[in-house]
Each structure stands twice: as structure tokens, then as C-alpha cells.
Amino acid sequence: MNLPDPYIISICGKIEDDLNFKINQLSDAKKFSKILKEKNLGISSHTIARLFGIIKPFRTPYKDTLNLLSGYLNYNDWEDFCTNQTNIPFDTNYFLTEATDGFSLSVLQSILVTEDLDSLSIILEKSRNSADSKIMYSAAEMIGNYIRTSSKQKELLKLLAKSNIGQLFFYECFVDENNYNNYFSDALIQYYLPEIKNDYKKLFVYCFAIGQKANKQFQYSEHIPFFEKLITSLDKNKCHYHELSRWLECSIIIDGFSGILKKSFKKHINEILEQSKLLDHYESCWMISRSLKALLLFDLKIDILNHIELNDYIDQLVLNQKKGSHSIALYILQLYWIYKSVYFNHKIVYSPFRVATFLFQNQSDDKIVIELATASIFASGDNKKIMDANLKSFCNKMGAKWVLKLLYE
């Protein structure tokens, strides 16, 4: 498990002391990113949010990022910052919390591997006293990974759904897009939805279920009427970017199944672009990629390829990507962008990025599909025949119909 070292904990604390405010929310990360930009220190709000545990999972920042943060605090570089630190405060949450009888990741792990559900209730209660978001997100990742193969999966899901901290741990931190045997979407509807009051969290549930059924089974979801009723009372301006991107994706899916998308797709694209331009690079990638998949699903490939404004915007997102901000969303846009370049015979030199598997453990199927599709575009001869055959087989197995629509239809 990747946890921050003491020097990273230290620099985060010193930054907050200098700013005179805590970085606990995405809006705080955006505020700090803007301050850095004014000092010609370019670090995205997404990178800052991940560093401070707002976005999970924690990942050690690149050296360049640490150098910039050190420069903000008037040190020469990261080495200079570390050299000048004394009495680094080792947070006891990372070392032997078992002895203090507080919340412990090790105790949580022992509960999960033995499926000791009685003790899980106790440790979840202890977590209420932990204010460390990095610890909470690490716990979410741990539970999310164990729950997939647990022999007591249903019992565990029910228990988590009834606990406020359990909801944070699993449903709101670890979104399992792989969703094997529909366990995750079924759990959201059966266990989580009855326990929540917040309409924007309900929006996420319905959007996830609708998107899964459309993308993997190409079927109209029975939850669409509930979604349509719910959104009449919601404000898009109050949505988290993930909620909004799923909302727009579902609107496209509904028009697709209703047979009116050919007439309405330009309206959808205009709204997507309008909303995206209010977001940062990382958030915009999610906004565009989810809608792009939905449009491809309903045979609008040629229309999309010839939409000048959308493609100009995707060009900017792909070509202006930043080290350390890669996501499945950007991966999707890269695949589309490469295909578009080949389709129009653009003479552009570009080396596709590839990401480490552990970064997308709850989206591993999408990651593999995108990598096979990218390889298929570049392959030739026997390699091309093998790649295409295996890609089609895997896409059909995993329900990645949008990739088949992009490459072969």
C-alpha cells in the first residue's frame, strides 16, 4: 500500500500553515493551484487534491512536483527541503495504531482476510475518530479489493451500506467499474440507495446502473424513469464533475434508445463543451470521455469525427496532457485521438502513454481493452490479424461495444 512518507506529510502541513487554510476539498486544491499559477508554479488542482488525500488513492508525487512545492516554500528544491527538516512528525496513524486502540489499517486487513464481520462493525466505528483522509481512502481501496471475492460479499455490502463511514469507505470512494456479475450495481440499488437521503448521491446510483446496462449489455435500464424524475429537482451547477459527466452520459443514452440522438447529438455536444470549459484538464477528460463513449455506442462515429469544435477540444486535452494526471478518461480520449489521426491520415508524431495497472485496479477491464485497441491500430501483418481477432473477442466478453463501434463499424 502506497502511503505518504514523513517528509511529504511535513511539506503538506507547512503549505497549509503558509496558506492559513486547510486543503480538505477540491475547491481548496483549486484555490492553491491558482495561487501557485500566479507565482509561475504550475501544479494542477488534481495533483494537489491527490497529494492531500482528497482524490484517492494516494500516489507519491513526481520529483518535479515536489521541487515546485519546495520552491513555493522558498527552498531550492525537494532535497533542500528534506535536508532542512528536523523532528519530522511521524503520524502514529501509519505506525502501530493498534497500540493506541484507535482505527488501524492492519486490524481492518485482518478482519477482511478472515471475514470477521462482527469485528468489522467495531473497527468502522473507530474510524469515525480518524480525520486523516489518506487513511480513509486507503481503507476504501482495501475494502473495495477484498469485497470482490469475499464469500460473505452480500453480508459485507449490507453492513457497509448501513454505516455512514462504510458508505464513505466503499460506495463513495471505490467505484468498481469492472462490476463483475453486476455485484456493484446491484449492491448500489439494493443496499445503498435505501440508506441515503442526498439526491446527488442517488443521481450517482441511477447513472451508474444506467451506464453499466447500456455500455455492457446495450439494453435500456429499468432505472431510467427514476433518473428522469430525479433530475427535475437537481441543479447541474451543484454537481460534482463526476456526477455531472454521468448525468450528461445518461441523457445521451436515453436519446439513443429513444431513437432521437441523430437529431439531438449536436445539442448534447454543445452542452458537454460548455460544461467542460468550466473545468480543469483532468475533470474535462472525464466530461468528454463518458459522453464520447455513449455517442459511439449509438453509431455516431462519422458525425463525431466531423464535429470540428469537439475534435479541436479533444486535440487540446490529448496534446496538453500533464505528467502525473493520466486517467482512464484520458486513455479513452487518446485512443479516439489516435484513431482519428489514422482515419484522416494526419502526419503527427505521437508516442502513446501507458499507465501502470495498479493505478486502475477497479477499471482494469477498460484499461486492457483500450491498450489492445491502441495496439491494434498500430499493428500490421500477422500481428494485425491476431490483435483484431483477440480484441473483438475480449470486447464482446467484457461488453466494450463502443470500442468495436470506433474501430470496426
Protein backbone atom coordinates (compact mmCIF):
# COMPACT_ATOMS: atom_id res chain seq x y z
CA MET A 1 0.00 0.00 0.00
CA ASN A 2 1.38 3.38 -1.03
CA LEU A 3 1.31 5.78 1.92
CA PRO A 4 3.00 9.22 2.14
CA ASP A 5 6.43 9.34 3.72
CA PRO A 6 7.00 11.68 6.71
CA TYR A 7 8.61 14.41 4.60
CA ILE A 8 5.54 14.59 2.35
CA ILE A 9 3.32 14.81 5.43
CA SER A 10 5.58 17.58 6.66
CA ILE A 11 5.51 19.67 3.48
CA CYS A 12 1.71 19.38 3.28
CA GLY A 13 1.46 20.70 6.83
CA LYS A 14 3.86 23.58 6.15
CA ILE A 15 1.95 24.54 3.00
CA GLU A 16 -1.32 24.69 4.93
CA ASP A 17 0.37 26.77 7.63
CA ASP A 18 1.63 29.20 4.97
CA LEU A 19 -1.76 29.38 3.26
CA ASN A 20 -3.59 29.76 6.56
CA PHE A 21 -6.30 27.32 5.41
CA LYS A 22 -6.69 23.55 5.23
CA ILE A 23 -6.76 21.72 1.89
CA ASN A 24 -9.67 19.39 2.61
CA GLN A 25 -11.82 19.82 -0.50
CA LEU A 26 -11.35 20.07 -4.25
CA SER A 27 -12.21 23.76 -4.07
CA ASP A 28 -9.27 24.24 -1.67
CA ALA A 29 -6.96 22.42 -4.10
CA LYS A 30 -8.16 24.67 -6.93
CA LYS A 31 -7.55 27.74 -4.79
CA PHE A 32 -3.97 26.65 -4.04
CA SER A 33 -3.38 25.75 -7.70
CA LYS A 34 -4.42 29.28 -8.66
CA ILE A 35 -2.01 30.74 -6.08
CA LEU A 36 0.80 28.61 -7.49
CA LYS A 37 -0.05 29.70 -11.03
CA GLU A 38 0.29 33.35 -10.00
CA LYS A 39 3.85 32.50 -8.91
CA ASN A 40 4.55 30.70 -12.20
CA LEU A 41 4.50 27.33 -10.40
CA GLY A 42 2.19 25.16 -12.48
CA ILE A 43 0.66 22.29 -10.48
CA SER A 44 -2.87 21.11 -11.35
CA SER A 45 -5.63 21.07 -8.76
CA HIS A 46 -5.97 17.32 -9.39
CA THR A 47 -2.34 16.68 -8.43
CA ILE A 48 -2.77 18.79 -5.30
CA ALA A 49 -6.02 17.02 -4.41
CA ARG A 50 -4.36 13.61 -4.71
CA LEU A 51 -1.36 14.77 -2.63
CA PHE A 52 -3.66 15.95 0.19
CA GLY A 53 -5.82 12.81 0.06
CA ILE A 54 -8.92 14.41 -1.47
CA ILE A 55 -8.67 12.15 -4.54
CA LYS A 56 -7.84 8.52 -3.93
CA PRO A 57 -5.63 6.57 -3.95
CA PHE A 58 -2.58 8.44 -2.62
CA ARG A 59 0.34 8.32 -5.03
CA THR A 60 3.83 9.68 -4.38
CA PRO A 61 4.17 12.89 -6.45
CA TYR A 62 6.74 13.22 -9.22
CA LYS A 63 10.03 14.79 -8.25
CA ASP A 64 9.27 17.85 -10.40
CA THR A 65 6.08 18.43 -8.39
CA LEU A 66 7.93 18.15 -5.07
CA ASN A 67 10.58 20.58 -6.35
CA LEU A 68 7.87 23.13 -7.23
CA LEU A 69 6.19 22.78 -3.84
CA SER A 70 9.55 23.20 -2.13
CA GLY A 71 10.16 26.31 -4.23
CA TYR A 72 6.83 27.71 -3.09
CA LEU A 73 8.16 27.44 0.49
CA ASN A 74 11.40 29.18 -0.60
CA TYR A 75 13.61 26.08 -0.64
CA ASN A 76 15.94 25.40 -3.57
CA ASP A 77 14.39 22.01 -4.34
CA TRP A 78 12.99 18.88 -2.67
CA GLU A 79 16.40 17.74 -1.40
CA ASP A 80 16.94 21.15 0.17
CA PHE A 81 13.55 20.94 1.90
CA CYS A 82 14.23 17.44 3.29
CA THR A 83 17.75 18.34 4.42
CA ASN A 84 16.46 21.28 6.43
CA GLN A 85 13.76 19.38 8.30
CA THR A 86 14.28 18.28 11.88
CA ASN A 87 11.99 16.35 14.21
CA ILE A 88 9.82 15.12 11.35
CA PRO A 89 6.41 14.36 12.90
CA PHE A 90 5.75 10.68 12.23
CA ASP A 91 1.97 10.36 12.26
CA THR A 92 1.06 7.46 14.52
CA ASN A 93 -1.74 6.52 12.13
CA TYR A 94 0.96 4.97 9.96
CA PHE A 95 2.86 3.22 12.76
CA LEU A 96 1.42 0.91 15.40
CA THR A 97 -2.01 2.46 15.86
CA GLU A 98 -3.03 -0.93 17.19
CA ALA A 99 -1.33 0.03 20.45
CA THR A 100 -3.47 3.14 20.88
CA ASP A 101 -6.67 1.15 20.28
CA GLY A 102 -7.64 3.57 17.51
CA PHE A 103 -8.53 2.92 13.90
CA SER A 104 -5.93 0.65 12.30
CA LEU A 105 -5.46 -0.40 8.68
CA SER A 106 -3.74 -3.56 9.89
CA VAL A 107 -6.69 -4.50 12.07
CA LEU A 108 -9.03 -3.78 9.16
CA GLN A 109 -6.95 -6.04 6.92
CA SER A 110 -7.03 -8.86 9.47
CA ILE A 111 -10.82 -8.54 9.62
CA LEU A 112 -11.18 -8.69 5.84
CA VAL A 113 -8.90 -11.68 5.26
CA THR A 114 -10.74 -13.69 7.93
CA GLU A 115 -14.18 -12.24 7.07
CA ASP A 116 -14.77 -11.36 10.71
CA LEU A 117 -17.89 -9.23 10.19
CA ASP A 118 -18.63 -8.82 13.89
CA SER A 119 -15.29 -7.09 14.38
CA LEU A 120 -15.81 -5.01 11.23
CA SER A 121 -18.62 -3.10 12.93
CA ILE A 122 -16.23 -2.23 15.76
CA ILE A 123 -13.39 -1.02 13.53
CA LEU A 124 -15.77 1.00 11.33
CA GLU A 125 -16.99 2.77 14.46
CA LYS A 126 -13.39 3.53 15.49
CA SER A 127 -12.80 5.13 12.10
CA ARG A 128 -15.19 7.96 12.99
CA ASN A 129 -12.39 9.45 15.08
CA SER A 130 -9.87 9.45 12.23
CA ALA A 131 -9.57 12.81 10.49
CA ASP A 132 -6.86 11.63 8.11
CA SER A 133 -8.36 11.43 4.61
CA LYS A 134 -5.35 9.49 3.26
CA ILE A 135 -6.05 6.73 5.77
CA MET A 136 -9.74 6.72 4.88
CA TYR A 137 -9.07 6.42 1.14
CA SER A 138 -6.52 3.67 1.73
CA ALA A 139 -9.16 1.82 3.74
CA ALA A 140 -11.65 2.31 0.89
CA GLU A 141 -9.24 0.77 -1.59
CA MET A 142 -8.57 -2.15 0.76
CA ILE A 143 -12.27 -2.90 1.31
CA GLY A 144 -13.03 -2.49 -2.39
CA ASN A 145 -10.42 -5.06 -3.38
CA TYR A 146 -11.38 -7.64 -0.76
CA ILE A 147 -15.12 -7.34 -1.28
CA ARG A 148 -14.99 -8.53 -4.90
CA THR A 149 -14.04 -12.09 -3.98
CA SER A 150 -15.43 -12.36 -0.46
CA SER A 151 -17.53 -15.43 0.30
CA LYS A 152 -19.61 -13.13 2.51
CA GLN A 153 -19.97 -10.44 -0.13
CA LYS A 154 -23.69 -9.75 0.36
CA GLU A 155 -23.42 -9.60 4.13
CA LEU A 156 -20.46 -7.25 3.87
CA LEU A 157 -22.25 -4.97 1.40
CA LYS A 158 -25.30 -4.75 3.65
CA LEU A 159 -23.15 -3.91 6.65
CA LEU A 160 -21.30 -1.16 4.80
CA ALA A 161 -24.50 0.35 3.43
CA LYS A 162 -25.92 0.80 6.93
CA SER A 163 -22.82 2.58 8.24
CA ASN A 164 -22.08 6.21 7.45
CA ILE A 165 -18.37 5.55 7.42
CA GLY A 166 -18.96 2.35 5.48
CA GLN A 167 -20.68 4.35 2.77
CA LEU A 168 -17.66 6.63 2.61
CA PHE A 169 -15.29 3.68 2.54
CA PHE A 170 -16.89 1.78 -0.29
CA TYR A 171 -19.65 3.43 -2.24
CA GLU A 172 -18.29 6.94 -2.36
CA CYS A 173 -14.56 6.18 -2.67
CA PHE A 174 -14.22 2.92 -4.55
CA VAL A 175 -16.38 2.82 -7.68
CA ASP A 176 -15.89 -0.60 -9.27
CA GLU A 177 -16.43 -0.10 -12.99
CA ASN A 178 -15.45 -3.73 -13.64
CA ASN A 179 -18.63 -4.69 -11.77
CA TYR A 180 -18.20 -8.46 -12.18
CA ASN A 181 -21.56 -10.26 -12.25
CA ASN A 182 -23.18 -6.86 -11.64
CA TYR A 183 -22.35 -7.15 -7.93
CA PHE A 184 -21.53 -3.46 -7.58
CA SER A 185 -24.51 -2.03 -9.46
CA ASP A 186 -26.87 -4.47 -7.71
CA ALA A 187 -25.43 -3.50 -4.32
CA LEU A 188 -25.90 0.19 -5.06
CA ILE A 189 -29.57 -0.33 -5.87
CA GLN A 190 -30.43 -2.95 -3.24
CA TYR A 191 -28.39 -1.87 -0.22
CA TYR A 192 -27.03 1.65 -0.65
CA LEU A 193 -29.93 3.51 -2.28
CA PRO A 194 -32.46 2.80 0.52
CA GLU A 195 -30.00 4.16 3.11
CA ILE A 196 -29.15 7.54 1.56
CA LYS A 197 -31.03 10.84 1.66
CA ASN A 198 -28.83 13.01 -0.56
CA ASP A 199 -30.34 13.34 -4.07
CA TYR A 200 -26.96 13.86 -5.73
CA LYS A 201 -25.76 10.55 -4.32
CA LYS A 202 -28.96 8.98 -5.66
CA LEU A 203 -28.10 10.52 -9.03
CA PHE A 204 -24.77 8.68 -8.97
CA VAL A 205 -26.53 5.37 -8.24
CA TYR A 206 -29.01 5.67 -11.10
CA CYS A 207 -26.38 6.94 -13.54
CA PHE A 208 -24.02 4.08 -12.71
CA ALA A 209 -26.74 1.48 -13.22
CA ILE A 210 -27.96 3.05 -16.48
CA GLY A 211 -24.44 3.43 -17.88
CA GLN A 212 -23.46 -0.13 -16.99
CA LYS A 213 -26.51 -1.68 -18.65
CA ALA A 214 -26.12 0.41 -21.79
CA ASN A 215 -22.36 0.04 -22.22
CA LYS A 216 -22.03 -3.63 -21.30
CA GLN A 217 -25.37 -5.11 -22.39
CA PHE A 218 -26.67 -2.44 -24.78
CA GLN A 219 -30.01 -2.51 -23.00
CA TYR A 220 -32.46 0.11 -21.77
CA SER A 221 -32.27 0.30 -17.98
CA GLU A 222 -35.35 -0.04 -15.82
CA HIS A 223 -33.90 2.78 -13.71
CA ILE A 224 -34.20 5.43 -16.43
CA PRO A 225 -37.67 6.63 -15.28
CA PHE A 226 -36.33 7.15 -11.74
CA PHE A 227 -33.36 9.09 -13.16
CA GLU A 228 -35.62 11.29 -15.29
CA LYS A 229 -37.86 12.09 -12.31
CA LEU A 230 -34.90 12.79 -10.01
CA ILE A 231 -33.09 15.26 -12.28
CA THR A 232 -36.12 17.58 -12.38
CA SER A 233 -35.22 18.65 -8.83
CA LEU A 234 -31.42 18.84 -9.27
CA ASP A 235 -29.12 21.70 -10.26
CA LYS A 236 -26.25 20.88 -12.62
CA ASN A 237 -24.24 23.72 -11.09
CA LYS A 238 -24.25 21.90 -7.75
CA CYS A 239 -22.99 18.60 -9.20
CA HIS A 240 -19.52 17.20 -8.64
CA TYR A 241 -17.88 16.83 -12.06
CA HIS A 242 -18.21 13.02 -11.88
CA GLU A 243 -21.94 13.36 -11.18
CA LEU A 244 -22.38 15.86 -13.99
CA SER A 245 -20.42 13.81 -16.53
CA ARG A 246 -22.54 10.75 -15.72
CA TRP A 247 -25.72 12.84 -15.96
CA LEU A 248 -24.78 14.03 -19.46
CA GLU A 249 -23.78 10.50 -20.47
CA CYS A 250 -27.17 9.14 -19.38
CA SER A 251 -29.01 11.88 -21.29
CA ILE A 252 -27.24 10.73 -24.46
CA ILE A 253 -28.02 7.08 -23.71
CA ILE A 254 -31.73 7.87 -23.21
CA ASP A 255 -31.91 9.76 -26.53
CA GLY A 256 -30.06 6.87 -28.17
CA PHE A 257 -32.59 4.28 -27.05
CA SER A 258 -35.43 6.69 -27.89
CA GLY A 259 -34.18 6.97 -31.48
CA ILE A 260 -33.74 10.75 -31.44
CA LEU A 261 -29.99 11.03 -30.88
CA LYS A 262 -29.24 11.69 -34.55
CA LYS A 263 -31.21 14.93 -34.19
CA SER A 264 -30.12 15.85 -30.66
CA PHE A 265 -26.42 14.93 -30.60
CA LYS A 266 -25.21 18.44 -31.54
CA LYS A 267 -27.19 19.88 -28.63
CA HIS A 268 -25.54 17.34 -26.32
CA ILE A 269 -22.06 18.12 -27.63
CA ASN A 270 -22.62 21.87 -27.19
CA GLU A 271 -23.60 21.35 -23.55
CA ILE A 272 -20.67 18.99 -22.94
CA LEU A 273 -18.22 21.55 -24.33
CA GLU A 274 -19.84 24.40 -22.42
CA GLN A 275 -19.59 22.49 -19.13
CA SER A 276 -16.07 21.20 -19.85
CA LYS A 277 -14.64 24.67 -20.34
CA LEU A 278 -15.52 25.44 -16.71
CA LEU A 279 -13.36 22.53 -15.52
CA ASP A 280 -9.66 21.80 -15.31
CA HIS A 281 -7.87 19.40 -17.66
CA TYR A 282 -8.40 16.26 -15.55
CA GLU A 283 -12.10 16.94 -14.98
CA SER A 284 -12.70 17.86 -18.63
CA CYS A 285 -11.29 14.49 -19.73
CA TRP A 286 -13.99 12.73 -17.71
CA MET A 287 -16.70 15.03 -19.04
CA ILE A 288 -15.75 14.41 -22.67
CA SER A 289 -14.81 10.72 -22.49
CA ARG A 290 -18.03 9.45 -20.90
CA SER A 291 -20.18 11.25 -23.47
CA LEU A 292 -17.89 10.20 -26.30
CA LYS A 293 -18.37 6.52 -25.40
CA ALA A 294 -22.15 6.99 -25.32
CA LEU A 295 -22.20 8.70 -28.73
CA LEU A 296 -20.07 5.95 -30.27
CA LEU A 297 -22.39 3.34 -28.80
CA PHE A 298 -25.24 4.65 -30.94
CA ASP A 299 -23.39 4.70 -34.29
CA LEU A 300 -22.48 8.39 -34.44
CA LYS A 301 -18.79 7.84 -35.20
CA ILE A 302 -18.76 9.71 -38.52
CA ASP A 303 -20.76 12.60 -37.05
CA ILE A 304 -18.31 12.86 -34.15
CA LEU A 305 -15.23 12.64 -36.36
CA ASN A 306 -16.52 15.58 -38.38
CA HIS A 307 -17.55 17.79 -35.45
CA ILE A 308 -14.82 20.44 -35.65
CA GLU A 309 -15.24 22.11 -32.25
CA LEU A 310 -15.38 18.80 -30.34
CA ASN A 311 -12.29 17.47 -32.08
CA ASP A 312 -10.36 20.69 -31.55
CA TYR A 313 -11.11 20.41 -27.85
CA ILE A 314 -10.08 16.75 -27.70
CA ASP A 315 -6.85 17.67 -29.53
CA GLN A 316 -6.06 20.16 -26.75
CA LEU A 317 -6.78 17.65 -24.00
CA VAL A 318 -4.57 14.95 -25.52
CA LEU A 319 -1.68 17.15 -26.62
CA ASN A 320 -1.64 19.27 -23.44
CA GLN A 321 -1.71 16.34 -21.00
CA LYS A 322 0.47 16.68 -17.93
CA LYS A 323 2.73 14.15 -16.32
CA GLY A 324 1.04 12.60 -13.30
CA SER A 325 -2.54 13.36 -14.40
CA HIS A 326 -3.23 10.28 -16.52
CA SER A 327 -6.61 8.60 -16.07
CA ILE A 328 -8.85 6.10 -17.83
CA ALA A 329 -10.72 9.12 -19.17
CA LEU A 330 -7.58 10.47 -20.86
CA TYR A 331 -6.79 6.92 -22.02
CA ILE A 332 -10.16 6.82 -23.81
CA LEU A 333 -9.54 10.19 -25.45
CA GLN A 334 -6.05 9.09 -26.52
CA LEU A 335 -7.47 6.00 -28.25
CA TYR A 336 -10.07 8.10 -30.08
CA TRP A 337 -7.46 10.71 -30.99
CA ILE A 338 -5.08 8.11 -32.43
CA TYR A 339 -7.89 6.51 -34.43
CA LYS A 340 -8.95 9.94 -35.72
CA SER A 341 -5.38 10.71 -36.76
CA VAL A 342 -5.17 7.47 -38.74
CA TYR A 343 -8.67 7.92 -40.17
CA PHE A 344 -7.83 11.36 -41.58
CA ASN A 345 -4.22 10.36 -42.37
CA HIS A 346 -2.76 13.10 -40.16
CA LYS A 347 1.02 13.23 -40.18
CA ILE A 348 1.56 13.76 -36.46
CA VAL A 349 4.31 12.13 -34.40
CA TYR A 350 2.91 10.96 -31.06
CA SER A 351 4.05 8.34 -28.56
CA PRO A 352 1.04 6.94 -26.67
CA PHE A 353 1.39 6.84 -22.90
CA ARG A 354 0.74 3.63 -20.99
CA VAL A 355 -0.15 3.50 -17.33
CA ALA A 356 0.70 1.08 -14.55
CA THR A 357 -2.05 -1.44 -13.84
CA PHE A 358 -2.22 -0.77 -10.10
CA LEU A 359 -3.43 2.79 -10.76
CA PHE A 360 -6.68 1.50 -12.27
CA GLN A 361 -7.39 -1.69 -10.36
CA ASN A 362 -11.14 -1.03 -10.33
CA GLN A 363 -11.12 -0.25 -14.08
CA SER A 364 -8.72 -2.94 -15.23
CA ASP A 365 -11.04 -4.26 -17.95
CA ASP A 366 -11.36 -0.83 -19.56
CA LYS A 367 -7.61 -0.39 -19.33
CA ILE A 368 -6.89 -3.69 -21.12
CA VAL A 369 -9.50 -3.01 -23.81
CA ILE A 370 -8.02 0.42 -24.55
CA GLU A 371 -4.46 -0.91 -24.69
CA LEU A 372 -5.41 -3.76 -27.02
CA ALA A 373 -7.32 -1.33 -29.24
CA THR A 374 -4.37 1.07 -29.37
CA ALA A 375 -2.01 -1.78 -30.24
CA SER A 376 -4.41 -2.97 -32.95
CA ILE A 377 -4.31 0.43 -34.66
CA PHE A 378 -0.51 0.27 -34.92
CA ALA A 379 -0.26 -3.46 -35.77
CA SER A 380 0.38 -4.88 -39.25
CA GLY A 381 0.60 -8.28 -40.98
CA ASP A 382 0.05 -11.33 -38.77
CA ASN A 383 0.16 -9.14 -35.67
CA LYS A 384 -2.80 -7.16 -37.00
CA LYS A 385 -4.86 -10.31 -37.64
CA ILE A 386 -4.11 -11.69 -34.17
CA MET A 387 -4.77 -8.38 -32.41
CA ASP A 388 -8.06 -7.75 -34.21
CA ALA A 389 -9.38 -11.26 -33.54
CA ASN A 390 -8.45 -11.18 -29.86
CA LEU A 391 -9.64 -7.60 -29.40
CA LYS A 392 -13.07 -8.40 -30.84
CA SER A 393 -13.33 -11.47 -28.65
CA PHE A 394 -12.32 -9.60 -25.48
CA CYS A 395 -14.59 -6.60 -26.20
CA ASN A 396 -17.57 -8.90 -26.69
CA LYS A 397 -16.74 -10.75 -23.48
CA MET A 398 -16.30 -7.55 -21.43
CA GLY A 399 -19.12 -5.60 -23.06
CA ALA A 400 -16.91 -2.88 -24.57
CA LYS A 401 -19.14 -2.31 -27.58
CA TRP A 402 -18.05 1.31 -28.02
CA VAL A 403 -14.51 0.20 -28.95
CA LEU A 404 -15.86 -2.12 -31.65
CA LYS A 405 -18.03 0.71 -32.94
CA LEU A 406 -15.00 3.01 -33.11
CA LEU A 407 -12.53 0.65 -34.78
CA TYR A 408 -14.63 -1.61 -36.99
CA GLU A 409 -18.09 -0.18 -37.73
